[in-house]
Amino acid sequence: MKNAPLPKITKISIFAALCAVFMIFMQFPILPAVPFLKYDPSDIPALIVSFAMGPLSGLCVVALKEIIFALLRFNAHDMIGIPMDFIASGTFVFVSGFIYHKNKTKKNAAFALISGAVIMTAAMTLLNYFIVPVYMKLFVPNFEISGDKLIKIIIAGIIPFNLIKGAINSIVTFFVYKKMSKILH
C-alpha cells in the first residue's frame, strides 16, 4: 500500500508530539516584565492541523501536547501553567481554524490568525487577572499582588506577551501552511 494516507489520529498524534518537542526544548522568555511567561513555537503545528483538518483536530493536538508535556516535564508551577497554556493555545488554534474553515482563502487565513491572536490575548488578559494573584500566593510567599500592581503586570506584560506570541505564530503559520498542508492531505 504505497502512498496510503495516514489515518487522522496518526496525523494528530505526530503533530502533537512535534508540539510537545517545541514546548519542551524551545521555551524562552521574551519580555523582562513577565519572565515566567515563556514563548515556544508549539502553536504553529497545531494551527497547521487546525487549518488543514479542522478546529477540533487542532484542539486535539493542543490537548495531547499538554498531556505529553505534563508526563515529561511536570513541576509544581505546571498545576497552573498547563491549564493556562491549554486555554491560550486552545483558544488561538480553535478560533483561527474555525474562521479559516468558513472560507479557505489567503485573505481569510490572515483574518483568522489575527482574530485568533486577539481573542487569545483577550481571554488570557481576563484569566490572568484572576490567576496571577493565585499563582503569586502559591509560589511567591509573602508577595501580594492586586489592584494597580496587577493591572500594570497585565498591561506591561500579559497583553504584549500574548500579542507578540500570536504575531510570531501567525506569521510563521501563514507562510508555511500551504507547504505543510500537503503532508496532511
C-alpha atoms as a PDB file:
ATOM      1  CA  MET A   1       0.000   0.000   0.000  1.00  0.00           C
ATOM      2  CA  LYS A   2       2.450   2.592  -1.175  1.00  0.00           C
ATOM      3  CA  ASN A   3       1.296   6.189  -0.612  1.00  0.00           C
ATOM      4  CA  ALA A   4      -1.597   5.100   1.616  1.00  0.00           C
ATOM      5  CA  PRO A   5      -2.908   8.096   3.567  1.00  0.00           C
ATOM      6  CA  LEU A   6      -2.157   8.231   7.255  1.00  0.00           C
ATOM      7  CA  PRO A   7      -5.219   7.943   9.468  1.00  0.00           C
ATOM      8  CA  LYS A   8      -6.368  11.205  11.028  1.00  0.00           C
ATOM      9  CA  ILE A   9      -5.472  10.106  14.583  1.00  0.00           C
ATOM     10  CA  THR A  10      -1.922   9.317  13.455  1.00  0.00           C
ATOM     11  CA  LYS A  11      -1.511  12.774  11.930  1.00  0.00           C
ATOM     12  CA  ILE A  12      -2.885  14.426  15.074  1.00  0.00           C
ATOM     13  CA  SER A  13      -0.536  12.348  17.242  1.00  0.00           C
ATOM     14  CA  ILE A  14       2.536  13.148  15.147  1.00  0.00           C
ATOM     15  CA  PHE A  15       1.797  16.867  15.222  1.00  0.00           C
ATOM     16  CA  ALA A  16       1.058  16.757  18.962  1.00  0.00           C
ATOM     17  CA  ALA A  17       4.440  15.109  19.558  1.00  0.00           C
ATOM     18  CA  LEU A  18       6.086  17.829  17.451  1.00  0.00           C
ATOM     19  CA  CYS A  19       4.282  20.482  19.509  1.00  0.00           C
ATOM     20  CA  ALA A  20       5.490  18.855  22.737  1.00  0.00           C
ATOM     21  CA  VAL A  21       9.084  18.807  21.472  1.00  0.00           C
ATOM     22  CA  PHE A  22       8.822  22.518  20.643  1.00  0.00           C
ATOM     23  CA  MET A  23       7.281  23.255  24.039  1.00  0.00           C
ATOM     24  CA  ILE A  24       9.907  21.296  25.967  1.00  0.00           C
ATOM     25  CA  PHE A  25      13.060  22.300  24.115  1.00  0.00           C
ATOM     26  CA  MET A  26      12.312  25.720  22.640  1.00  0.00           C
ATOM     27  CA  GLN A  27      10.887  27.731  25.555  1.00  0.00           C
ATOM     28  CA  PHE A  28      12.358  31.121  26.393  1.00  0.00           C
ATOM     29  CA  PRO A  29      11.148  34.384  27.968  1.00  0.00           C
ATOM     30  CA  ILE A  30      10.609  37.265  25.561  1.00  0.00           C
ATOM     31  CA  LEU A  31       9.622  40.070  27.938  1.00  0.00           C
ATOM     32  CA  PRO A  32      11.576  41.015  31.080  1.00  0.00           C
ATOM     33  CA  ALA A  33       8.352  42.272  32.700  1.00  0.00           C
ATOM     34  CA  VAL A  34       6.948  38.724  32.769  1.00  0.00           C
ATOM     35  CA  PRO A  35       9.872  36.244  32.822  1.00  0.00           C
ATOM     36  CA  PHE A  36       7.509  33.488  33.987  1.00  0.00           C
ATOM     37  CA  LEU A  37       5.788  33.630  30.579  1.00  0.00           C
ATOM     38  CA  LYS A  38       7.851  31.761  28.038  1.00  0.00           C
ATOM     39  CA  TYR A  39       7.395  31.731  24.286  1.00  0.00           C
ATOM     40  CA  ASP A  40       7.558  28.478  22.373  1.00  0.00           C
ATOM     41  CA  PRO A  41       6.519  27.776  18.779  1.00  0.00           C
ATOM     42  CA  SER A  42       4.258  24.830  19.686  1.00  0.00           C
ATOM     43  CA  ASP A  43       1.117  26.592  18.446  1.00  0.00           C
ATOM     44  CA  ILE A  44       2.406  26.549  14.869  1.00  0.00           C
ATOM     45  CA  PRO A  45       1.944  22.804  14.197  1.00  0.00           C
ATOM     46  CA  ALA A  46      -1.419  22.925  15.992  1.00  0.00           C
ATOM     47  CA  LEU A  47      -2.519  25.853  13.804  1.00  0.00           C
ATOM     48  CA  ILE A  48      -1.461  23.952  10.691  1.00  0.00           C
ATOM     49  CA  VAL A  49      -3.568  20.962  11.765  1.00  0.00           C
ATOM     50  CA  SER A  50      -6.486  23.245  12.618  1.00  0.00           C
ATOM     51  CA  PHE A  51      -6.358  24.808   9.157  1.00  0.00           C
ATOM     52  CA  ALA A  52      -5.883  21.516   7.335  1.00  0.00           C
ATOM     53  CA  MET A  53      -8.136  19.182   9.331  1.00  0.00           C
ATOM     54  CA  GLY A  54     -10.487  21.450  11.268  1.00  0.00           C
ATOM     55  CA  PRO A  55     -10.571  23.287  14.581  1.00  0.00           C
ATOM     56  CA  LEU A  56     -11.427  20.205  16.661  1.00  0.00           C
ATOM     57  CA  SER A  57      -8.399  18.370  15.281  1.00  0.00           C
ATOM     58  CA  GLY A  58      -6.248  21.381  16.157  1.00  0.00           C
ATOM     59  CA  LEU A  59      -7.702  21.392  19.659  1.00  0.00           C
ATOM     60  CA  CYS A  60      -6.895  17.675  19.991  1.00  0.00           C
ATOM     61  CA  VAL A  61      -3.286  18.448  19.066  1.00  0.00           C
ATOM     62  CA  VAL A  62      -3.154  21.093  21.805  1.00  0.00           C
ATOM     63  CA  ALA A  63      -4.675  18.733  24.399  1.00  0.00           C
ATOM     64  CA  LEU A  64      -2.264  15.924  23.527  1.00  0.00           C
ATOM     65  CA  LYS A  65       0.670  18.363  23.626  1.00  0.00           C
ATOM     66  CA  GLU A  66      -0.283  19.356  27.172  1.00  0.00           C
ATOM     67  CA  ILE A  67      -0.580  15.713  28.254  1.00  0.00           C
ATOM     68  CA  ILE A  68       2.815  14.824  26.757  1.00  0.00           C
ATOM     69  CA  PHE A  69       4.396  17.888  28.357  1.00  0.00           C
ATOM     70  CA  ALA A  70       2.863  17.038  31.746  1.00  0.00           C
ATOM     71  CA  LEU A  71       4.134  13.463  31.554  1.00  0.00           C
ATOM     72  CA  LEU A  72       7.668  14.506  30.637  1.00  0.00           C
ATOM     73  CA  ARG A  73       8.294  17.803  32.418  1.00  0.00           C
ATOM     74  CA  PHE A  74       5.684  18.359  35.130  1.00  0.00           C
ATOM     75  CA  ASN A  75       6.608  20.505  38.138  1.00  0.00           C
ATOM     76  CA  ALA A  76       4.541  22.326  40.746  1.00  0.00           C
ATOM     77  CA  HIS A  77       4.235  25.511  38.675  1.00  0.00           C
ATOM     78  CA  ASP A  78       2.624  23.491  35.901  1.00  0.00           C
ATOM     79  CA  MET A  79      -0.507  22.987  38.010  1.00  0.00           C
ATOM     80  CA  ILE A  80      -1.348  26.464  36.798  1.00  0.00           C
ATOM     81  CA  GLY A  81       0.847  26.671  33.698  1.00  0.00           C
ATOM     82  CA  ILE A  82      -0.524  23.679  31.799  1.00  0.00           C
ATOM     83  CA  PRO A  83      -4.216  24.636  32.078  1.00  0.00           C
ATOM     84  CA  MET A  84      -3.322  28.249  31.224  1.00  0.00           C
ATOM     85  CA  ASP A  85      -1.342  27.136  28.174  1.00  0.00           C
ATOM     86  CA  PHE A  86      -4.184  24.859  27.087  1.00  0.00           C
ATOM     87  CA  ILE A  87      -6.643  27.750  27.286  1.00  0.00           C
ATOM     88  CA  ALA A  88      -4.280  30.134  25.449  1.00  0.00           C
ATOM     89  CA  SER A  89      -3.247  27.716  22.704  1.00  0.00           C
ATOM     90  CA  GLY A  90      -6.666  26.106  22.504  1.00  0.00           C
ATOM     91  CA  THR A  91      -8.393  29.453  22.047  1.00  0.00           C
ATOM     92  CA  PHE A  92      -5.906  30.595  19.411  1.00  0.00           C
ATOM     93  CA  VAL A  93      -5.951  27.320  17.470  1.00  0.00           C
ATOM     94  CA  PHE A  94      -9.706  26.722  17.659  1.00  0.00           C
ATOM     95  CA  VAL A  95     -10.785  30.274  16.758  1.00  0.00           C
ATOM     96  CA  SER A  96      -8.281  30.524  13.896  1.00  0.00           C
ATOM     97  CA  GLY A  97      -9.240  27.124  12.473  1.00  0.00           C
ATOM     98  CA  PHE A  98     -12.968  27.796  12.856  1.00  0.00           C
ATOM     99  CA  ILE A  99     -12.784  31.095  10.962  1.00  0.00           C
ATOM    100  CA  TYR A 100     -10.470  29.719   8.267  1.00  0.00           C
ATOM    101  CA  HIS A 101     -12.773  26.771   7.567  1.00  0.00           C
ATOM    102  CA  LYS A 102     -15.614  29.138   6.682  1.00  0.00           C
ATOM    103  CA  ASN A 103     -13.688  30.455   3.678  1.00  0.00           C
ATOM    104  CA  LYS A 104     -10.310  28.948   2.771  1.00  0.00           C
ATOM    105  CA  THR A 105      -8.563  31.912   1.149  1.00  0.00           C
ATOM    106  CA  LYS A 106      -5.263  33.634   1.937  1.00  0.00           C
ATOM    107  CA  LYS A 107      -7.102  36.757   2.992  1.00  0.00           C
ATOM    108  CA  ASN A 108      -9.346  34.801   5.347  1.00  0.00           C
ATOM    109  CA  ALA A 109      -6.326  32.879   6.691  1.00  0.00           C
ATOM    110  CA  ALA A 110      -4.759  36.199   7.694  1.00  0.00           C
ATOM    111  CA  PHE A 111      -8.051  37.357   9.224  1.00  0.00           C
ATOM    112  CA  ALA A 112      -8.435  34.033  11.065  1.00  0.00           C
ATOM    113  CA  LEU A 113      -4.930  34.183  12.531  1.00  0.00           C
ATOM    114  CA  ILE A 114      -5.303  37.812  13.606  1.00  0.00           C
ATOM    115  CA  SER A 115      -8.710  37.066  15.138  1.00  0.00           C
ATOM    116  CA  GLY A 116      -7.351  34.016  16.956  1.00  0.00           C
ATOM    117  CA  ALA A 117      -4.422  36.008  18.354  1.00  0.00           C
ATOM    118  CA  VAL A 118      -6.648  38.883  19.509  1.00  0.00           C
ATOM    119  CA  ILE A 119      -9.221  36.581  21.122  1.00  0.00           C
ATOM    120  CA  MET A 120      -6.441  34.579  22.797  1.00  0.00           C
ATOM    121  CA  THR A 121      -4.987  37.833  24.155  1.00  0.00           C
ATOM    122  CA  ALA A 122      -8.388  38.957  25.472  1.00  0.00           C
ATOM    123  CA  ALA A 123      -9.036  35.571  27.092  1.00  0.00           C
ATOM    124  CA  MET A 124      -5.615  35.468  28.720  1.00  0.00           C
ATOM    125  CA  THR A 125      -5.921  39.063  29.926  1.00  0.00           C
ATOM    126  CA  LEU A 126      -9.153  38.247  31.722  1.00  0.00           C
ATOM    127  CA  LEU A 127      -7.946  34.894  33.006  1.00  0.00           C
ATOM    128  CA  ASN A 128      -4.643  36.290  34.278  1.00  0.00           C
ATOM    129  CA  TYR A 129      -6.491  38.973  36.210  1.00  0.00           C
ATOM    130  CA  PHE A 130      -7.824  36.171  38.387  1.00  0.00           C
ATOM    131  CA  ILE A 131      -4.957  33.664  38.155  1.00  0.00           C
ATOM    132  CA  VAL A 132      -1.860  35.832  38.754  1.00  0.00           C
ATOM    133  CA  PRO A 133      -2.828  36.564  42.394  1.00  0.00           C
ATOM    134  CA  VAL A 134      -3.402  32.836  42.989  1.00  0.00           C
ATOM    135  CA  TYR A 135      -0.084  31.979  41.322  1.00  0.00           C
ATOM    136  CA  MET A 136       1.764  34.522  43.471  1.00  0.00           C
ATOM    137  CA  LYS A 137       0.105  33.299  46.637  1.00  0.00           C
ATOM    138  CA  LEU A 138       1.089  29.700  45.877  1.00  0.00           C
ATOM    139  CA  PHE A 139       4.596  30.191  44.519  1.00  0.00           C
ATOM    140  CA  VAL A 140       5.863  33.544  45.816  1.00  0.00           C
ATOM    141  CA  PRO A 141       5.163  33.587  49.558  1.00  0.00           C
ATOM    142  CA  ASN A 142       4.801  36.954  51.282  1.00  0.00           C
ATOM    143  CA  PHE A 143       4.167  38.723  47.977  1.00  0.00           C
ATOM    144  CA  GLU A 144       0.652  40.015  47.496  1.00  0.00           C
ATOM    145  CA  ILE A 145      -0.400  41.351  44.163  1.00  0.00           C
ATOM    146  CA  SER A 146      -3.625  43.134  43.467  1.00  0.00           C
ATOM    147  CA  GLY A 147      -5.062  46.408  42.260  1.00  0.00           C
ATOM    148  CA  ASP A 148      -2.657  48.708  40.447  1.00  0.00           C
ATOM    149  CA  LYS A 149       0.291  46.264  40.541  1.00  0.00           C
ATOM    150  CA  LEU A 150      -1.803  43.571  38.904  1.00  0.00           C
ATOM    151  CA  ILE A 151      -3.123  45.946  36.237  1.00  0.00           C
ATOM    152  CA  LYS A 152       0.453  47.089  35.480  1.00  0.00           C
ATOM    153  CA  ILE A 153       1.628  43.473  35.052  1.00  0.00           C
ATOM    154  CA  ILE A 154      -1.293  42.772  32.738  1.00  0.00           C
ATOM    155  CA  ILE A 155      -0.740  45.914  30.647  1.00  0.00           C
ATOM    156  CA  ALA A 156       3.082  45.780  30.595  1.00  0.00           C
ATOM    157  CA  GLY A 157       3.450  42.013  30.378  1.00  0.00           C
ATOM    158  CA  ILE A 158       0.464  39.755  29.776  1.00  0.00           C
ATOM    159  CA  ILE A 159      -1.089  41.687  26.885  1.00  0.00           C
ATOM    160  CA  PRO A 160       2.172  42.379  24.997  1.00  0.00           C
ATOM    161  CA  PHE A 161       3.390  38.796  25.537  1.00  0.00           C
ATOM    162  CA  ASN A 162       0.227  37.282  24.056  1.00  0.00           C
ATOM    163  CA  LEU A 163       0.168  39.733  21.152  1.00  0.00           C
ATOM    164  CA  ILE A 164       3.832  39.011  20.335  1.00  0.00           C
ATOM    165  CA  LYS A 165       3.288  35.253  20.680  1.00  0.00           C
ATOM    166  CA  GLY A 166       0.200  35.470  18.464  1.00  0.00           C
ATOM    167  CA  ALA A 167       2.004  37.597  15.875  1.00  0.00           C
ATOM    168  CA  ILE A 168       5.047  35.309  15.612  1.00  0.00           C
ATOM    169  CA  ASN A 169       2.941  32.154  15.389  1.00  0.00           C
ATOM    170  CA  SER A 170       0.538  33.748  12.913  1.00  0.00           C
ATOM    171  CA  ILE A 171       3.264  34.972  10.571  1.00  0.00           C
ATOM    172  CA  VAL A 172       5.095  31.645  10.544  1.00  0.00           C
ATOM    173  CA  THR A 173       1.848  29.690  10.079  1.00  0.00           C
ATOM    174  CA  PHE A 174       0.710  31.976   7.274  1.00  0.00           C
ATOM    175  CA  PHE A 175       3.904  31.374   5.312  1.00  0.00           C
ATOM    176  CA  VAL A 176       4.381  27.639   5.945  1.00  0.00           C
ATOM    177  CA  TYR A 177       0.795  26.373   5.963  1.00  0.00           C
ATOM    178  CA  LYS A 178       0.420  25.616   2.249  1.00  0.00           C
ATOM    179  CA  LYS A 179       3.677  23.666   2.122  1.00  0.00           C
ATOM    180  CA  MET A 180       2.865  21.732   5.303  1.00  0.00           C
ATOM    181  CA  SER A 181      -0.760  21.107   4.396  1.00  0.00           C
ATOM    182  CA  LYS A 182       0.370  18.826   1.560  1.00  0.00           C
ATOM    183  CA  ILE A 183       1.657  16.413   4.219  1.00  0.00           C
ATOM    184  CA  LEU A 184      -1.761  16.368   5.901  1.00  0.00           C
ATOM    185  CA  HIS A 185      -3.878  15.936   2.777  1.00  0.00           C
END
